Amino acid sequence: YCMAYRPISKTNESIICLPHRLVVQ
């Protein structure tokens, strides 16, 4: 699912990979 996120560039947008417990903010 994390690969389906659109590219992020604005403050406080995030991509989350729940199985890997990874957050990109």
PDB file of all heavy atoms in Angstrom:
ATOM      1  N   TYR A   1       0.824  -1.209   0.000  1.00  0.00           N
ATOM      2  CA  TYR A   1       0.000   0.000   0.000  1.00  0.00           C
ATOM      3  C   TYR A   1       0.860   1.262   0.000  1.00  0.00           C
ATOM      4  O   TYR A   1       0.479   2.274  -0.566  1.00  0.00           O
ATOM      5  CB  TYR A   1      -0.932   0.035   1.213  1.00  0.00           C
ATOM      6  CG  TYR A   1      -2.088  -0.927   1.135  1.00  0.00           C
ATOM      7  CD1 TYR A   1      -2.485  -1.635   2.249  1.00  0.00           C
ATOM      8  CD2 TYR A   1      -2.784  -1.128  -0.044  1.00  0.00           C
ATOM      9  CE1 TYR A   1      -3.540  -2.526   2.192  1.00  0.00           C
ATOM     10  CE2 TYR A   1      -3.841  -2.019  -0.117  1.00  0.00           C
ATOM     11  CZ  TYR A   1      -4.217  -2.709   1.014  1.00  0.00           C
ATOM     12  OH  TYR A   1      -5.263  -3.579   0.949  1.00  0.00           O
ATOM     13  N   CYS A   2       2.005   1.199   0.650  1.00  0.00           N
ATOM     14  CA  CYS A   2       2.870   2.377   0.734  1.00  0.00           C
ATOM     15  C   CYS A   2       3.350   2.823  -0.647  1.00  0.00           C
ATOM     16  O   CYS A   2       3.626   3.998  -0.855  1.00  0.00           O
ATOM     17  CB  CYS A   2       4.052   2.113   1.652  1.00  0.00           C
ATOM     18  SG  CYS A   2       5.035   0.673   1.188  1.00  0.00           S
ATOM     19  N   MET A   3       3.410   1.916  -1.590  1.00  0.00           N
ATOM     20  CA  MET A   3       3.846   2.260  -2.941  1.00  0.00           C
ATOM     21  C   MET A   3       2.734   2.949  -3.738  1.00  0.00           C
ATOM     22  O   MET A   3       2.997   3.578  -4.755  1.00  0.00           O
ATOM     23  CB  MET A   3       4.326   1.011  -3.675  1.00  0.00           C
ATOM     24  CG  MET A   3       5.593   0.428  -3.085  1.00  0.00           C
ATOM     25  SD  MET A   3       6.063  -1.160  -3.786  1.00  0.00           S
ATOM     26  CE  MET A   3       6.179  -0.755  -5.518  1.00  0.00           C
ATOM     27  N   ALA A   4       1.504   2.859  -3.261  1.00  0.00           N
ATOM     28  CA  ALA A   4       0.372   3.475  -3.953  1.00  0.00           C
ATOM     29  C   ALA A   4       0.188   4.947  -3.577  1.00  0.00           C
ATOM     30  O   ALA A   4      -0.572   5.657  -4.233  1.00  0.00           O
ATOM     31  CB  ALA A   4      -0.909   2.713  -3.632  1.00  0.00           C
ATOM     32  N   TYR A   5       0.879   5.417  -2.527  1.00  0.00           N
ATOM     33  CA  TYR A   5       0.785   6.821  -2.131  1.00  0.00           C
ATOM     34  C   TYR A   5       1.305   7.701  -3.260  1.00  0.00           C
ATOM     35  O   TYR A   5       2.276   7.355  -3.935  1.00  0.00           O
ATOM     36  CB  TYR A   5       1.641   7.109  -0.897  1.00  0.00           C
ATOM     37  CG  TYR A   5       1.051   6.703   0.420  1.00  0.00           C
ATOM     38  CD1 TYR A   5       1.131   5.397   0.866  1.00  0.00           C
ATOM     39  CD2 TYR A   5       0.439   7.637   1.236  1.00  0.00           C
ATOM     40  CE1 TYR A   5       0.618   5.019   2.091  1.00  0.00           C
ATOM     41  CE2 TYR A   5      -0.078   7.273   2.467  1.00  0.00           C
ATOM     42  CZ  TYR A   5       0.011   5.964   2.883  1.00  0.00           C
ATOM     43  OH  TYR A   5      -0.498   5.608   4.098  1.00  0.00           O
ATOM     44  N   ARG A   6       0.701   8.870  -3.420  1.00  0.00           N
ATOM     45  CA  ARG A   6       1.226   9.827  -4.386  1.00  0.00           C
ATOM     46  C   ARG A   6       2.486  10.464  -3.798  1.00  0.00           C
ATOM     47  O   ARG A   6       2.679  10.429  -2.579  1.00  0.00           O
ATOM     48  CB  ARG A   6       0.183  10.887  -4.715  1.00  0.00           C
ATOM     49  CG  ARG A   6      -0.220  11.735  -3.526  1.00  0.00           C
ATOM     50  CD  ARG A   6      -1.241  12.784  -3.951  1.00  0.00           C
ATOM     51  NE  ARG A   6      -1.661  13.580  -2.837  1.00  0.00           N
ATOM     52  CZ  ARG A   6      -0.953  14.548  -2.270  1.00  0.00           C
ATOM     53  NH1 ARG A   6       0.238  14.834  -2.724  1.00  0.00           N
ATOM     54  NH2 ARG A   6      -1.419  15.234  -1.252  1.00  0.00           N
ATOM     55  N   PRO A   7       3.344  11.047  -4.608  1.00  0.00           N
ATOM     56  CA  PRO A   7       4.541  11.701  -4.078  1.00  0.00           C
ATOM     57  C   PRO A   7       4.175  12.811  -3.090  1.00  0.00           C
ATOM     58  O   PRO A   7       3.178  13.509  -3.275  1.00  0.00           O
ATOM     59  CB  PRO A   7       5.209  12.281  -5.330  1.00  0.00           C
ATOM     60  CG  PRO A   7       4.746  11.396  -6.435  1.00  0.00           C
ATOM     61  CD  PRO A   7       3.335  11.022  -6.076  1.00  0.00           C
ATOM     62  N   ILE A   8       4.981  12.946  -2.047  1.00  0.00           N
ATOM     63  CA  ILE A   8       4.708  13.931  -1.001  1.00  0.00           C
ATOM     64  C   ILE A   8       5.751  15.045  -1.056  1.00  0.00           C
ATOM     65  O   ILE A   8       6.922  14.802  -1.339  1.00  0.00           O
ATOM     66  CB  ILE A   8       4.681  13.285   0.400  1.00  0.00           C
ATOM     67  CG1 ILE A   8       6.001  12.571   0.700  1.00  0.00           C
ATOM     68  CG2 ILE A   8       3.503  12.332   0.522  1.00  0.00           C
ATOM     69  CD1 ILE A   8       6.104  12.043   2.121  1.00  0.00           C
ATOM     70  N   SER A   9       5.308  16.280  -0.783  1.00  0.00           N
ATOM     71  CA  SER A   9       6.224  17.412  -0.781  1.00  0.00           C
ATOM     72  C   SER A   9       5.788  18.531   0.148  1.00  0.00           C
ATOM     73  O   SER A   9       6.549  19.442   0.409  1.00  0.00           O
ATOM     74  CB  SER A   9       6.379  17.976  -2.199  1.00  0.00           C
ATOM     75  OG  SER A   9       5.137  18.462  -2.662  1.00  0.00           O
ATOM     76  N   LYS A  10       4.581  18.495   0.652  1.00  0.00           N
ATOM     77  CA  LYS A  10       4.058  19.551   1.510  1.00  0.00           C
ATOM     78  C   LYS A  10       4.244  19.183   2.983  1.00  0.00           C
ATOM     79  O   LYS A  10       4.201  18.015   3.352  1.00  0.00           O
ATOM     80  CB  LYS A  10       2.572  19.775   1.226  1.00  0.00           C
ATOM     81  CG  LYS A  10       2.269  20.026  -0.230  1.00  0.00           C
ATOM     82  CD  LYS A  10       1.855  21.425  -0.457  1.00  0.00           C
ATOM     83  CE  LYS A  10       1.403  21.613  -1.886  1.00  0.00           C
ATOM     84  NZ  LYS A  10       2.317  22.330  -2.687  1.00  0.00           N
ATOM     85  N   THR A  11       4.447  20.188   3.811  1.00  0.00           N
ATOM     86  CA  THR A  11       4.690  19.983   5.231  1.00  0.00           C
ATOM     87  C   THR A  11       3.605  19.112   5.856  1.00  0.00           C
ATOM     88  O   THR A  11       2.420  19.322   5.620  1.00  0.00           O
ATOM     89  CB  THR A  11       4.753  21.341   5.966  1.00  0.00           C
ATOM     90  OG1 THR A  11       5.789  22.120   5.361  1.00  0.00           O
ATOM     91  CG2 THR A  11       5.049  21.164   7.434  1.00  0.00           C
ATOM     92  N   ASN A  12       4.033  18.129   6.628  1.00  0.00           N
ATOM     93  CA  ASN A  12       3.195  17.182   7.376  1.00  0.00           C
ATOM     94  C   ASN A  12       2.520  16.118   6.518  1.00  0.00           C
ATOM     95  O   ASN A  12       1.743  15.325   7.042  1.00  0.00           O
ATOM     96  CB  ASN A  12       2.171  17.888   8.252  1.00  0.00           C
ATOM     97  CG  ASN A  12       2.837  18.640   9.382  1.00  0.00           C
ATOM     98  OD1 ASN A  12       3.880  18.222   9.882  1.00  0.00           O
ATOM     99  ND2 ASN A  12       2.264  19.761   9.771  1.00  0.00           N
ATOM    100  N   GLU A  13       2.788  16.059   5.227  1.00  0.00           N
ATOM    101  CA  GLU A  13       2.324  14.916   4.443  1.00  0.00           C
ATOM    102  C   GLU A  13       3.192  13.718   4.821  1.00  0.00           C
ATOM    103  O   GLU A  13       4.343  13.879   5.230  1.00  0.00           O
ATOM    104  CB  GLU A  13       2.465  15.183   2.945  1.00  0.00           C
ATOM    105  CG  GLU A  13       1.455  16.143   2.389  1.00  0.00           C
ATOM    106  CD  GLU A  13       1.582  16.301   0.885  1.00  0.00           C
ATOM    107  OE1 GLU A  13       2.706  16.273   0.361  1.00  0.00           O
ATOM    108  OE2 GLU A  13       0.535  16.456   0.237  1.00  0.00           O
ATOM    109  N   SER A  14       2.646  12.516   4.674  1.00  0.00           N
ATOM    110  CA  SER A  14       3.422  11.344   5.065  1.00  0.00           C
ATOM    111  C   SER A  14       3.095  10.134   4.205  1.00  0.00           C
ATOM    112  O   SER A  14       2.042  10.056   3.581  1.00  0.00           O
ATOM    113  CB  SER A  14       3.175  11.009   6.539  1.00  0.00           C
ATOM    114  OG  SER A  14       1.816  10.742   6.762  1.00  0.00           O
ATOM    115  N   ILE A  15       4.040   9.211   4.195  1.00  0.00           N
ATOM    116  CA  ILE A  15       3.863   7.887   3.615  1.00  0.00           C
ATOM    117  C   ILE A  15       4.123   6.908   4.744  1.00  0.00           C
ATOM    118  O   ILE A  15       5.128   7.024   5.454  1.00  0.00           O
ATOM    119  CB  ILE A  15       4.858   7.631   2.465  1.00  0.00           C
ATOM    120  CG1 ILE A  15       4.622   8.609   1.318  1.00  0.00           C
ATOM    121  CG2 ILE A  15       4.741   6.185   1.974  1.00  0.00           C
ATOM    122  CD1 ILE A  15       5.659   8.522   0.224  1.00  0.00           C
ATOM    123  N   ILE A  16       3.231   5.944   4.909  1.00  0.00           N
ATOM    124  CA  ILE A  16       3.343   5.010   6.029  1.00  0.00           C
ATOM    125  C   ILE A  16       3.324   3.586   5.494  1.00  0.00           C
ATOM    126  O   ILE A  16       2.450   3.222   4.710  1.00  0.00           O
ATOM    127  CB  ILE A  16       2.186   5.212   7.021  1.00  0.00           C
ATOM    128  CG1 ILE A  16       2.214   6.639   7.555  1.00  0.00           C
ATOM    129  CG2 ILE A  16       2.253   4.190   8.147  1.00  0.00           C
ATOM    130  CD1 ILE A  16       0.984   7.047   8.303  1.00  0.00           C
ATOM    131  N   CYS A  17       4.292   2.799   5.909  1.00  0.00           N
ATOM    132  CA  CYS A  17       4.327   1.371   5.599  1.00  0.00           C
ATOM    133  C   CYS A  17       4.072   0.650   6.921  1.00  0.00           C
ATOM    134  O   CYS A  17       4.979   0.504   7.749  1.00  0.00           O
ATOM    135  CB  CYS A  17       5.669   0.966   4.995  1.00  0.00           C
ATOM    136  SG  CYS A  17       5.723  -0.775   4.544  1.00  0.00           S
ATOM    137  N   LEU A  18       2.837   0.251   7.143  1.00  0.00           N
ATOM    138  CA  LEU A  18       2.453  -0.353   8.422  1.00  0.00           C
ATOM    139  C   LEU A  18       3.180  -1.656   8.731  1.00  0.00           C
ATOM    140  O   LEU A  18       3.671  -1.827   9.845  1.00  0.00           O
ATOM    141  CB  LEU A  18       0.944  -0.558   8.454  1.00  0.00           C
ATOM    142  CG  LEU A  18       0.243  -0.103   9.721  1.00  0.00           C
ATOM    143  CD1 LEU A  18       0.476   1.366   9.970  1.00  0.00           C
ATOM    144  CD2 LEU A  18      -1.206  -0.401   9.657  1.00  0.00           C
ATOM    145  N   PRO A  19       3.303  -2.598   7.774  1.00  0.00           N
ATOM    146  CA  PRO A  19       3.991  -3.847   8.110  1.00  0.00           C
ATOM    147  C   PRO A  19       5.451  -3.632   8.534  1.00  0.00           C
ATOM    148  O   PRO A  19       5.972  -4.363   9.367  1.00  0.00           O
ATOM    149  CB  PRO A  19       3.920  -4.663   6.815  1.00  0.00           C
ATOM    150  CG  PRO A  19       2.766  -4.109   6.070  1.00  0.00           C
ATOM    151  CD  PRO A  19       2.721  -2.657   6.431  1.00  0.00           C
ATOM    152  N   HIS A  20       6.102  -2.619   7.960  1.00  0.00           N
ATOM    153  CA  HIS A  20       7.507  -2.351   8.288  1.00  0.00           C
ATOM    154  C   HIS A  20       7.666  -1.295   9.369  1.00  0.00           C
ATOM    155  O   HIS A  20       8.794  -0.962   9.742  1.00  0.00           O
ATOM    156  CB  HIS A  20       8.265  -1.912   7.039  1.00  0.00           C
ATOM    157  CG  HIS A  20       8.363  -2.982   6.015  1.00  0.00           C
ATOM    158  ND1 HIS A  20       8.785  -2.743   4.743  1.00  0.00           N
ATOM    159  CD2 HIS A  20       8.082  -4.317   6.059  1.00  0.00           C
ATOM    160  CE1 HIS A  20       8.772  -3.867   4.046  1.00  0.00           C
ATOM    161  NE2 HIS A  20       8.333  -4.830   4.829  1.00  0.00           N
ATOM    162  N   ARG A  21       6.542  -0.747   9.846  1.00  0.00           N
ATOM    163  CA  ARG A  21       6.533   0.293  10.878  1.00  0.00           C
ATOM    164  C   ARG A  21       7.379   1.492  10.463  1.00  0.00           C
ATOM    165  O   ARG A  21       8.091   2.091  11.263  1.00  0.00           O
ATOM    166  CB  ARG A  21       6.991  -0.271  12.221  1.00  0.00           C
ATOM    167  CG  ARG A  21       6.104  -1.414  12.690  1.00  0.00           C
ATOM    168  CD  ARG A  21       6.563  -1.980  13.987  1.00  0.00           C
ATOM    169  NE  ARG A  21       5.790  -3.175  14.292  1.00  0.00           N
ATOM    170  CZ  ARG A  21       6.004  -3.918  15.338  1.00  0.00           C
ATOM    171  NH1 ARG A  21       6.964  -3.620  16.181  1.00  0.00           N
ATOM    172  NH2 ARG A  21       5.271  -4.973  15.539  1.00  0.00           N
ATOM    173  N   LEU A  22       7.288   1.838   9.194  1.00  0.00           N
ATOM    174  CA  LEU A  22       8.086   2.906   8.600  1.00  0.00           C
ATOM    175  C   LEU A  22       7.200   4.113   8.331  1.00  0.00           C
ATOM    176  O   LEU A  22       6.103   3.972   7.795  1.00  0.00           O
ATOM    177  CB  LEU A  22       8.697   2.420   7.280  1.00  0.00           C
ATOM    178  CG  LEU A  22       9.467   3.443   6.477  1.00  0.00           C
ATOM    179  CD1 LEU A  22      10.880   3.559   7.012  1.00  0.00           C
ATOM    180  CD2 LEU A  22       9.493   3.054   5.017  1.00  0.00           C
ATOM    181  N   VAL A  23       7.683   5.298   8.716  1.00  0.00           N
ATOM    182  CA  VAL A  23       6.973   6.543   8.451  1.00  0.00           C
ATOM    183  C   VAL A  23       7.933   7.509   7.774  1.00  0.00           C
ATOM    184  O   VAL A  23       9.039   7.729   8.251  1.00  0.00           O
ATOM    185  CB  VAL A  23       6.421   7.178   9.753  1.00  0.00           C
ATOM    186  CG1 VAL A  23       5.760   8.519   9.464  1.00  0.00           C
ATOM    187  CG2 VAL A  23       5.444   6.240  10.443  1.00  0.00           C
ATOM    188  N   VAL A  24       7.493   8.069   6.653  1.00  0.00           N
ATOM    189  CA  VAL A  24       8.239   9.105   5.947  1.00  0.00           C
ATOM    190  C   VAL A  24       7.371  10.350   6.021  1.00  0.00           C
ATOM    191  O   VAL A  24       6.244  10.346   5.532  1.00  0.00           O
ATOM    192  CB  VAL A  24       8.481   8.726   4.472  1.00  0.00           C
ATOM    193  CG1 VAL A  24       9.253   9.820   3.760  1.00  0.00           C
ATOM    194  CG2 VAL A  24       9.177   7.388   4.367  1.00  0.00           C
ATOM    195  N   GLN A  25       7.876  11.410   6.654  1.00  0.00           N
ATOM    196  CA  GLN A  25       7.067  12.616   6.845  1.00  0.00           C
ATOM    197  C   GLN A  25       7.832  13.845   6.382  1.00  0.00           C
ATOM    198  O   GLN A  25       9.028  13.976   6.644  1.00  0.00           O
ATOM    199  CB  GLN A  25       6.670  12.767   8.308  1.00  0.00           C
ATOM    200  CG  GLN A  25       5.659  13.864   8.534  1.00  0.00           C
ATOM    201  CD  GLN A  25       5.087  13.842   9.928  1.00  0.00           C
ATOM    202  OE1 GLN A  25       5.674  13.296  10.838  1.00  0.00           O
ATOM    203  NE2 GLN A  25       3.939  14.449  10.097  1.00  0.00           N
TER     204      GLN A  25
END
